[in-house]
């Protein structure tokens, strides 16, 4: 599984990244987690507001910080 956190170094983006790590740990699943801060790459996903959570190439959330529990449900 590949998880991407899209955002430009904002506090909300950092929180989403940390919440994703917690969700993975709690679920017992393994995944590659990457932070994407390149605006060109972010716009490739047609995301207009960050932070965004992308799982295996599919945008699952944009514009809000999901809790670890919410992320776990998406995994």
PDB file of N, CA and C in Angstrom:
ATOM      1  N   UNK A   1       0.856  -1.171   0.000  1.00  0.00           N
ATOM      2  CA  UNK A   1       0.000   0.000   0.000  1.00  0.00           C
ATOM      3  C   UNK A   1       0.899   1.230   0.000  1.00  0.00           C
ATOM      4  N   UNK A   2       0.483   2.226  -0.751  1.00  0.00           N
ATOM      5  CA  UNK A   2       1.208   3.492  -0.820  1.00  0.00           C
ATOM      6  C   UNK A   2       0.270   4.617  -0.397  1.00  0.00           C
ATOM      7  N   UNK A   3       0.717   5.380   0.586  1.00  0.00           N
ATOM      8  CA  UNK A   3      -0.077   6.498   1.094  1.00  0.00           C
ATOM      9  C   UNK A   3       0.708   7.781   0.868  1.00  0.00           C
ATOM     10  N   UNK A   4       0.030   8.768   0.294  1.00  0.00           N
ATOM     11  CA  UNK A   4       0.655  10.062   0.061  1.00  0.00           C
ATOM     12  C   UNK A   4      -0.118  11.138   0.824  1.00  0.00           C
ATOM     13  N   UNK A   5       0.626  12.009   1.481  1.00  0.00           N
ATOM     14  CA  UNK A   5       0.055  13.165   2.158  1.00  0.00           C
ATOM     15  C   UNK A   5       0.433  14.381   1.318  1.00  0.00           C
ATOM     16  N   UNK A   6      -0.567  15.058   0.774  1.00  0.00           N
ATOM     17  CA  UNK A   6      -0.331  16.209  -0.087  1.00  0.00           C
ATOM     18  C   UNK A   6      -0.477  17.491   0.709  1.00  0.00           C
ATOM     19  N   UNK A   7       0.530  18.350   0.634  1.00  0.00           N
ATOM     20  CA  UNK A   7       0.460  19.620   1.346  1.00  0.00           C
ATOM     21  C   UNK A   7       1.773  20.366   1.294  1.00  0.00           C
ATOM     22  N   UNK A   8       1.704  21.654   1.533  1.00  0.00           N
ATOM     23  CA  UNK A   8       2.857  22.539   1.404  1.00  0.00           C
ATOM     24  C   UNK A   8       3.423  22.965   2.761  1.00  0.00           C
ATOM     25  N   UNK A   9       3.797  22.022   3.588  1.00  0.00           N
ATOM     26  CA  UNK A   9       4.454  22.291   4.875  1.00  0.00           C
ATOM     27  C   UNK A   9       3.589  23.053   5.878  1.00  0.00           C
ATOM     28  N   UNK A  10       2.302  22.920   5.782  1.00  0.00           N
ATOM     29  CA  UNK A  10       1.426  23.600   6.739  1.00  0.00           C
ATOM     30  C   UNK A  10       1.264  22.728   7.987  1.00  0.00           C
ATOM     31  N   UNK A  11       0.885  23.318   9.109  1.00  0.00           N
ATOM     32  CA  UNK A  11       0.691  22.533  10.335  1.00  0.00           C
ATOM     33  C   UNK A  11      -0.355  21.423  10.182  1.00  0.00           C
ATOM     34  N   UNK A  12      -1.416  21.689   9.436  1.00  0.00           N
ATOM     35  CA  UNK A  12      -2.447  20.673   9.233  1.00  0.00           C
ATOM     36  C   UNK A  12      -1.900  19.482   8.449  1.00  0.00           C
ATOM     37  N   UNK A  13      -1.022  19.753   7.493  1.00  0.00           N
ATOM     38  CA  UNK A  13      -0.415  18.685   6.696  1.00  0.00           C
ATOM     39  C   UNK A  13       0.464  17.802   7.573  1.00  0.00           C
ATOM     40  N   UNK A  14       1.208  18.428   8.464  1.00  0.00           N
ATOM     41  CA  UNK A  14       2.062  17.680   9.386  1.00  0.00           C
ATOM     42  C   UNK A  14       1.226  16.823  10.327  1.00  0.00           C
ATOM     43  N   UNK A  15       0.100  17.364  10.779  1.00  0.00           N
ATOM     44  CA  UNK A  15      -0.786  16.613  11.671  1.00  0.00           C
ATOM     45  C   UNK A  15      -1.389  15.416  10.948  1.00  0.00           C
ATOM     46  N   UNK A  16      -1.815  15.606   9.705  1.00  0.00           N
ATOM     47  CA  UNK A  16      -2.372  14.501   8.932  1.00  0.00           C
ATOM     48  C   UNK A  16      -1.325  13.403   8.736  1.00  0.00           C
ATOM     49  N   UNK A  17      -0.094  13.796   8.495  1.00  0.00           N
ATOM     50  CA  UNK A  17       0.998  12.829   8.335  1.00  0.00           C
ATOM     51  C   UNK A  17       1.170  12.018   9.621  1.00  0.00           C
ATOM     52  N   UNK A  18       1.224  12.700  10.755  1.00  0.00           N
ATOM     53  CA  UNK A  18       1.389  12.011  12.040  1.00  0.00           C
ATOM     54  C   UNK A  18       0.186  11.110  12.341  1.00  0.00           C
ATOM     55  N   UNK A  19      -1.017  11.591  12.059  1.00  0.00           N
ATOM     56  CA  UNK A  19      -2.216  10.783  12.285  1.00  0.00           C
ATOM     57  C   UNK A  19      -2.221   9.536  11.410  1.00  0.00           C
ATOM     58  N   UNK A  20      -1.682   9.656  10.213  1.00  0.00           N
ATOM     59  CA  UNK A  20      -1.585   8.508   9.313  1.00  0.00           C
ATOM     60  C   UNK A  20      -0.639   7.460   9.883  1.00  0.00           C
ATOM     61  N   UNK A  21       0.484   7.900  10.416  1.00  0.00           N
ATOM     62  CA  UNK A  21       1.432   6.965  11.029  1.00  0.00           C
ATOM     63  C   UNK A  21       0.804   6.250  12.223  1.00  0.00           C
ATOM     64  N   UNK A  22       0.043   6.983  13.026  1.00  0.00           N
ATOM     65  CA  UNK A  22      -0.636   6.387  14.176  1.00  0.00           C
ATOM     66  C   UNK A  22      -1.672   5.362  13.696  1.00  0.00           C
ATOM     67  N   UNK A  23      -2.433   5.706  12.676  1.00  0.00           N
ATOM     68  CA  UNK A  23      -3.456   4.800  12.138  1.00  0.00           C
ATOM     69  C   UNK A  23      -2.826   3.514  11.625  1.00  0.00           C
ATOM     70  N   UNK A  24      -1.719   3.630  10.945  1.00  0.00           N
ATOM     71  CA  UNK A  24      -1.034   2.432  10.444  1.00  0.00           C
ATOM     72  C   UNK A  24      -0.556   1.557  11.600  1.00  0.00           C
ATOM     73  N   UNK A  25       0.030   2.179  12.599  1.00  0.00           N
ATOM     74  CA  UNK A  25       0.524   1.431  13.755  1.00  0.00           C
ATOM     75  C   UNK A  25      -0.621   0.714  14.455  1.00  0.00           C
ATOM     76  N   UNK A  26      -1.732   1.412  14.664  1.00  0.00           N
ATOM     77  CA  UNK A  26      -2.882   0.833  15.362  1.00  0.00           C
ATOM     78  C   UNK A  26      -3.556  -0.279  14.560  1.00  0.00           C
ATOM     79  N   UNK A  27      -3.498  -0.169  13.234  1.00  0.00           N
ATOM     80  CA  UNK A  27      -4.156  -1.175  12.392  1.00  0.00           C
ATOM     81  C   UNK A  27      -3.290  -2.408  12.176  1.00  0.00           C
ATOM     82  N   UNK A  28      -1.986  -2.261  12.421  1.00  0.00           N
ATOM     83  CA  UNK A  28      -1.077  -3.377  12.181  1.00  0.00           C
ATOM     84  C   UNK A  28      -0.723  -3.560  10.721  1.00  0.00           C
ATOM     85  N   UNK A  29      -1.163  -2.645   9.881  1.00  0.00           N
ATOM     86  CA  UNK A  29      -0.859  -2.719   8.453  1.00  0.00           C
ATOM     87  C   UNK A  29       0.429  -1.974   8.157  1.00  0.00           C
ATOM     88  N   UNK A  30       1.037  -2.332   7.045  1.00  0.00           N
ATOM     89  CA  UNK A  30       2.255  -1.659   6.616  1.00  0.00           C
ATOM     90  C   UNK A  30       1.994  -0.932   5.306  1.00  0.00           C
ATOM     91  N   UNK A  31       2.628   0.221   5.170  1.00  0.00           N
ATOM     92  CA  UNK A  31       2.476   1.010   3.955  1.00  0.00           C
ATOM     93  C   UNK A  31       3.657   1.949   3.816  1.00  0.00           C
ATOM     94  N   UNK A  32       3.899   2.349   2.609  1.00  0.00           N
ATOM     95  CA  UNK A  32       4.887   3.388   2.324  1.00  0.00           C
ATOM     96  C   UNK A  32       4.151   4.721   2.457  1.00  0.00           C
ATOM     97  N   UNK A  33       4.642   5.599   3.332  1.00  0.00           N
ATOM     98  CA  UNK A  33       3.996   6.896   3.549  1.00  0.00           C
ATOM     99  C   UNK A  33       4.940   7.981   3.039  1.00  0.00           C
ATOM    100  N   UNK A  34       4.433   8.788   2.109  1.00  0.00           N
ATOM    101  CA  UNK A  34       5.242   9.822   1.464  1.00  0.00           C
ATOM    102  C   UNK A  34       4.547  11.170   1.622  1.00  0.00           C
ATOM    103  N   UNK A  35       5.328  12.189   1.942  1.00  0.00           N
ATOM    104  CA  UNK A  35       4.803  13.557   1.960  1.00  0.00           C
ATOM    105  C   UNK A  35       5.122  14.186   0.606  1.00  0.00           C
ATOM    106  N   UNK A  36       4.105  14.716  -0.048  1.00  0.00           N
ATOM    107  CA  UNK A  36       4.266  15.374  -1.342  1.00  0.00           C
ATOM    108  C   UNK A  36       4.074  16.871  -1.126  1.00  0.00           C
ATOM    109  N   UNK A  37       5.130  17.647  -1.375  1.00  0.00           N
ATOM    110  CA  UNK A  37       5.066  19.094  -1.180  1.00  0.00           C
ATOM    111  C   UNK A  37       5.236  19.866  -2.489  1.00  0.00           C
ATOM    112  N   UNK A  38       5.402  19.146  -3.586  1.00  0.00           N
ATOM    113  CA  UNK A  38       5.577  19.763  -4.895  1.00  0.00           C
ATOM    114  C   UNK A  38       4.203  20.135  -5.472  1.00  0.00           C
ATOM    115  N   UNK A  39       3.995  21.428  -5.710  1.00  0.00           N
ATOM    116  CA  UNK A  39       2.696  21.919  -6.181  1.00  0.00           C
ATOM    117  C   UNK A  39       2.274  21.257  -7.494  1.00  0.00           C
ATOM    118  N   UNK A  40       3.204  21.033  -8.392  1.00  0.00           N
ATOM    119  CA  UNK A  40       2.873  20.392  -9.673  1.00  0.00           C
ATOM    120  C   UNK A  40       2.335  18.979  -9.449  1.00  0.00           C
ATOM    121  N   UNK A  41       2.950  18.252  -8.548  1.00  0.00           N
ATOM    122  CA  UNK A  41       2.511  16.886  -8.249  1.00  0.00           C
ATOM    123  C   UNK A  41       1.142  16.904  -7.570  1.00  0.00           C
ATOM    124  N   UNK A  42       0.935  17.869  -6.676  1.00  0.00           N
ATOM    125  CA  UNK A  42      -0.351  17.977  -5.978  1.00  0.00           C
ATOM    126  C   UNK A  42      -1.472  18.251  -6.976  1.00  0.00           C
ATOM    127  N   UNK A  43      -1.232  19.145  -7.923  1.00  0.00           N
ATOM    128  CA  UNK A  43      -2.276  19.477  -8.900  1.00  0.00           C
ATOM    129  C   UNK A  43      -2.548  18.322  -9.861  1.00  0.00           C
ATOM    130  N   UNK A  44      -1.619  17.391 -10.003  1.00  0.00           N
ATOM    131  CA  UNK A  44      -1.879  16.201 -10.826  1.00  0.00           C
ATOM    132  C   UNK A  44      -3.047  15.389 -10.272  1.00  0.00           C
ATOM    133  N   UNK A  45      -3.257  15.490  -8.971  1.00  0.00           N
ATOM    134  CA  UNK A  45      -4.371  14.794  -8.329  1.00  0.00           C
ATOM    135  C   UNK A  45      -5.648  15.621  -8.329  1.00  0.00           C
ATOM    136  N   UNK A  46      -5.614  16.807  -8.933  1.00  0.00           N
ATOM    137  CA  UNK A  46      -6.764  17.720  -8.993  1.00  0.00           C
ATOM    138  C   UNK A  46      -7.217  18.137  -7.597  1.00  0.00           C
ATOM    139  N   UNK A  47      -6.276  18.237  -6.672  1.00  0.00           N
ATOM    140  CA  UNK A  47      -6.570  18.670  -5.310  1.00  0.00           C
ATOM    141  C   UNK A  47      -6.404  20.180  -5.251  1.00  0.00           C
ATOM    142  N   UNK A  48      -7.455  20.870  -4.816  1.00  0.00           N
ATOM    143  CA  UNK A  48      -7.426  22.327  -4.746  1.00  0.00           C
ATOM    144  C   UNK A  48      -7.181  22.842  -3.336  1.00  0.00           C
ATOM    145  N   UNK A  49      -7.382  21.989  -2.345  1.00  0.00           N
ATOM    146  CA  UNK A  49      -7.190  22.403  -0.963  1.00  0.00           C
ATOM    147  C   UNK A  49      -6.482  21.278  -0.207  1.00  0.00           C
ATOM    148  N   UNK A  50      -5.507  21.665   0.575  1.00  0.00           N
ATOM    149  CA  UNK A  50      -4.748  20.676   1.328  1.00  0.00           C
ATOM    150  C   UNK A  50      -5.048  20.837   2.813  1.00  0.00           C
ATOM    151  N   UNK A  51      -4.746  19.862   3.614  1.00  0.00           N
ATOM    152  CA  UNK A  51      -4.045  18.633   3.292  1.00  0.00           C
ATOM    153  C   UNK A  51      -4.961  17.638   2.588  1.00  0.00           C
ATOM    154  N   UNK A  52      -4.334  16.711   1.898  1.00  0.00           N
ATOM    155  CA  UNK A  52      -5.082  15.659   1.217  1.00  0.00           C
ATOM    156  C   UNK A  52      -4.426  14.320   1.509  1.00  0.00           C
ATOM    157  N   UNK A  53      -5.249  13.293   1.558  1.00  0.00           N
ATOM    158  CA  UNK A  53      -4.795  11.928   1.801  1.00  0.00           C
ATOM    159  C   UNK A  53      -5.080  11.103   0.562  1.00  0.00           C
ATOM    160  N   UNK A  54      -4.032  10.477   0.026  1.00  0.00           N
ATOM    161  CA  UNK A  54      -4.151   9.652  -1.173  1.00  0.00           C
ATOM    162  C   UNK A  54      -3.701   8.242  -0.805  1.00  0.00           C
ATOM    163  N   UNK A  55      -4.549   7.263  -1.086  1.00  0.00           N
ATOM    164  CA  UNK A  55      -4.211   5.867  -0.823  1.00  0.00           C
ATOM    165  C   UNK A  55      -4.238   5.122  -2.146  1.00  0.00           C
ATOM    166  N   UNK A  56      -3.094   4.535  -2.490  1.00  0.00           N
ATOM    167  CA  UNK A  56      -2.941   3.791  -3.744  1.00  0.00           C
ATOM    168  C   UNK A  56      -3.452   4.576  -4.951  1.00  0.00           C
ATOM    169  N   UNK A  57      -3.108   5.863  -5.000  1.00  0.00           N
ATOM    170  CA  UNK A  57      -3.427   6.700  -6.145  1.00  0.00           C
ATOM    171  C   UNK A  57      -4.812   7.312  -6.151  1.00  0.00           C
ATOM    172  N   UNK A  58      -5.622   7.015  -5.139  1.00  0.00           N
ATOM    173  CA  UNK A  58      -6.988   7.539  -5.076  1.00  0.00           C
ATOM    174  C   UNK A  58      -7.108   8.550  -3.931  1.00  0.00           C
ATOM    175  N   UNK A  59      -7.579   9.748  -4.256  1.00  0.00           N
ATOM    176  CA  UNK A  59      -7.766  10.779  -3.239  1.00  0.00           C
ATOM    177  C   UNK A  59      -8.922  10.361  -2.338  1.00  0.00           C
ATOM    178  N   UNK A  60      -8.618  10.199  -1.050  1.00  0.00           N
ATOM    179  CA  UNK A  60      -9.630   9.778  -0.080  1.00  0.00           C
ATOM    180  C   UNK A  60     -10.179  10.945   0.725  1.00  0.00           C
ATOM    181  N   UNK A  61      -9.380  12.009   0.858  1.00  0.00           N
ATOM    182  CA  UNK A  61      -9.808  13.161   1.641  1.00  0.00           C
ATOM    183  C   UNK A  61      -9.005  14.375   1.203  1.00  0.00           C
ATOM    184  N   UNK A  62      -9.650  15.545   1.214  1.00  0.00           N
ATOM    185  CA  UNK A  62      -8.949  16.789   0.894  1.00  0.00           C
ATOM    186  C   UNK A  62      -9.560  17.914   1.729  1.00  0.00           C
ATOM    187  N   UNK A  63      -8.691  18.770   2.240  1.00  0.00           N
ATOM    188  CA  UNK A  63      -9.143  19.950   2.953  1.00  0.00           C
ATOM    189  C   UNK A  63      -9.439  19.777   4.417  1.00  0.00           C
ATOM    190  N   UNK A  64      -9.155  18.593   4.968  1.00  0.00           N
ATOM    191  CA  UNK A  64      -9.390  18.409   6.392  1.00  0.00           C
ATOM    192  C   UNK A  64      -8.378  17.444   6.985  1.00  0.00           C
ATOM    193  N   UNK A  65      -8.215  17.563   8.283  1.00  0.00           N
ATOM    194  CA  UNK A  65      -7.307  16.683   9.005  1.00  0.00           C
ATOM    195  C   UNK A  65      -8.137  15.539   9.576  1.00  0.00           C
ATOM    196  N   UNK A  66      -7.911  14.359   9.054  1.00  0.00           N
ATOM    197  CA  UNK A  66      -8.623  13.186   9.548  1.00  0.00           C
ATOM    198  C   UNK A  66      -7.975  12.686  10.835  1.00  0.00           C
ATOM    199  N   UNK A  67      -8.787  12.137  11.712  1.00  0.00           N
ATOM    200  CA  UNK A  67      -8.265  11.531  12.934  1.00  0.00           C
ATOM    201  C   UNK A  67      -7.645  10.184  12.587  1.00  0.00           C
ATOM    202  N   UNK A  68      -6.799   9.644  13.462  1.00  0.00           N
ATOM    203  CA  UNK A  68      -6.265   8.311  13.210  1.00  0.00           C
ATOM    204  C   UNK A  68      -7.368   7.265  13.012  1.00  0.00           C
ATOM    205  N   UNK A  69      -8.454   7.401  13.744  1.00  0.00           N
ATOM    206  CA  UNK A  69      -9.564   6.451  13.619  1.00  0.00           C
ATOM    207  C   UNK A  69     -10.218   6.546  12.242  1.00  0.00           C
ATOM    208  N   UNK A  70     -10.402   7.775  11.739  1.00  0.00           N
ATOM    209  CA  UNK A  70     -10.979   7.956  10.402  1.00  0.00           C
ATOM    210  C   UNK A  70     -10.067   7.365   9.332  1.00  0.00           C
ATOM    211  N   UNK A  71      -8.780   7.578   9.486  1.00  0.00           N
ATOM    212  CA  UNK A  71      -7.821   7.048   8.516  1.00  0.00           C
ATOM    213  C   UNK A  71      -7.820   5.529   8.541  1.00  0.00           C
ATOM    214  N   UNK A  72      -7.894   4.973   9.741  1.00  0.00           N
ATOM    215  CA  UNK A  72      -7.921   3.511   9.879  1.00  0.00           C
ATOM    216  C   UNK A  72      -9.077   2.909   9.095  1.00  0.00           C
ATOM    217  N   UNK A  73     -10.216   3.554   9.115  1.00  0.00           N
ATOM    218  CA  UNK A  73     -11.385   3.057   8.369  1.00  0.00           C
ATOM    219  C   UNK A  73     -11.128   3.064   6.866  1.00  0.00           C
ATOM    220  N   UNK A  74     -10.318   3.998   6.391  1.00  0.00           N
ATOM    221  CA  UNK A  74     -10.011   4.091   4.963  1.00  0.00           C
ATOM    222  C   UNK A  74      -8.981   3.046   4.522  1.00  0.00           C
ATOM    223  N   UNK A  75      -8.199   2.573   5.489  1.00  0.00           N
ATOM    224  CA  UNK A  75      -7.166   1.595   5.158  1.00  0.00           C
ATOM    225  C   UNK A  75      -7.814   0.252   4.880  1.00  0.00           C
TER     226      UNK A  75
END
